Amino acid sequence: MAVRALRRRSSFEHRGVAGNHTPLRRGGQCTRLRESAPRYPRQSRRGSAAPLEYHFAPSALFHREPAMSLFPRHLALAIAGRSVFLVIGLLSALGGCSTMPAEDPRFAAERNQRVIESPIRTDQDRRMDSARHPAEFLPFTQVKPGMQVLDVSAGAGYTSQLLALAVGPTGTVWAQRQQPGEAFTKRLADHPQANLVPVIRPFEDPVPDQVPKLDLITLILNYHDITYLPVDRAKMNQRLFAALKPGGHFVLIDHSAKAGADISVGKTLHRIDQAIVLAEVRKAGFVLEAESDFLRDPADTREESSGDAKIPTDKFALRFVKP
């Protein structure tokens, strides 16, 4: 808190909104506290306002009272000063916080329903909805308009397009694949979306340099496939962690294997033990924030390949956060 020294007046008085009062003295000089109080033009000796000279109207807390001793007055000043710095520090901390106000779930549900009903979605996508549950998937990701999103291993683009519709024209979805795909290319040709950008990158370095810090990363039903490819998954997860903003989310969904199943079932059954995913992703620095059972199916014995299963497979859904 700044304190300004004023020149000594013969009367040692100055005028404020409460009338004349004696200023505080320090070292033989008259001093007073600079406050965020309303400012009033200082009157010249001739009674005309000096437009460029202002003084602060002192608060009653700092008026000198005859019965107030020097020590309590200085103590009050010290306490007030510390309080102001505390408030400033708190406001600064809040200003740097990336957490957005909570959205009314009703508005989010209505917006997500419009995304699901978008006319640009294909008939094949709508048939897949019964197994993929987009009405539960979208709120689980916490996707919102304006977000920057990376969809890793985008496949034919089912998830990528949903997310691009959800982030709207002010957001962007980068759909990563290791190689171009005919189905994804056809999707964009049939219904171009300026905010859906295909990205051909290796899994170990899936984020283009020009991409800004991300709000959300998704990897849907393909982590098990990466386990039998020549990919350094630790490096991939570290790269994803670095690409996210603090507070950003990494949503990972996959076909579940039996507890304790070896990682080799990724190739044979196209499944993975949830515990393996948790261990590998946490090692990169992510923290598990939530998991959901909207894709769970206890009727699945988890003994068949996910591609051959006659019923919907049991799937785990995990949402990690970057601290």
Foldseek 3Di string as FASTA:
>chain_A
DDKDWDAADPVCWDAAPVGIAHADDDPNTGIDDQDPADKDFDADPVRDGDVVDIDHHDDPLQGDDPVDDPVVNVVVVVVVVVVVVVVVVVVVVVVPDPDDDDDDVVVVLVLLVCLLVPPLDDPVLVVCCVQVVSSVVVVVQVQAAQFEEEEEQCDLPSVLSSSDSRNDPNYAYEYEDQDDDPNNVVSCVSPPDPRYHYDRDDLLQGDDPPRAQGQEYEYEACPLVVLPDPHDLLSNLLNNLVSHDAFHKYKYKHFAAPPPDDSVCCVVQVHYHVVVVVVSNVVSPWDWDDKDQPNADPVAPRPHRCVPDPDRGGMIMTMIGHD
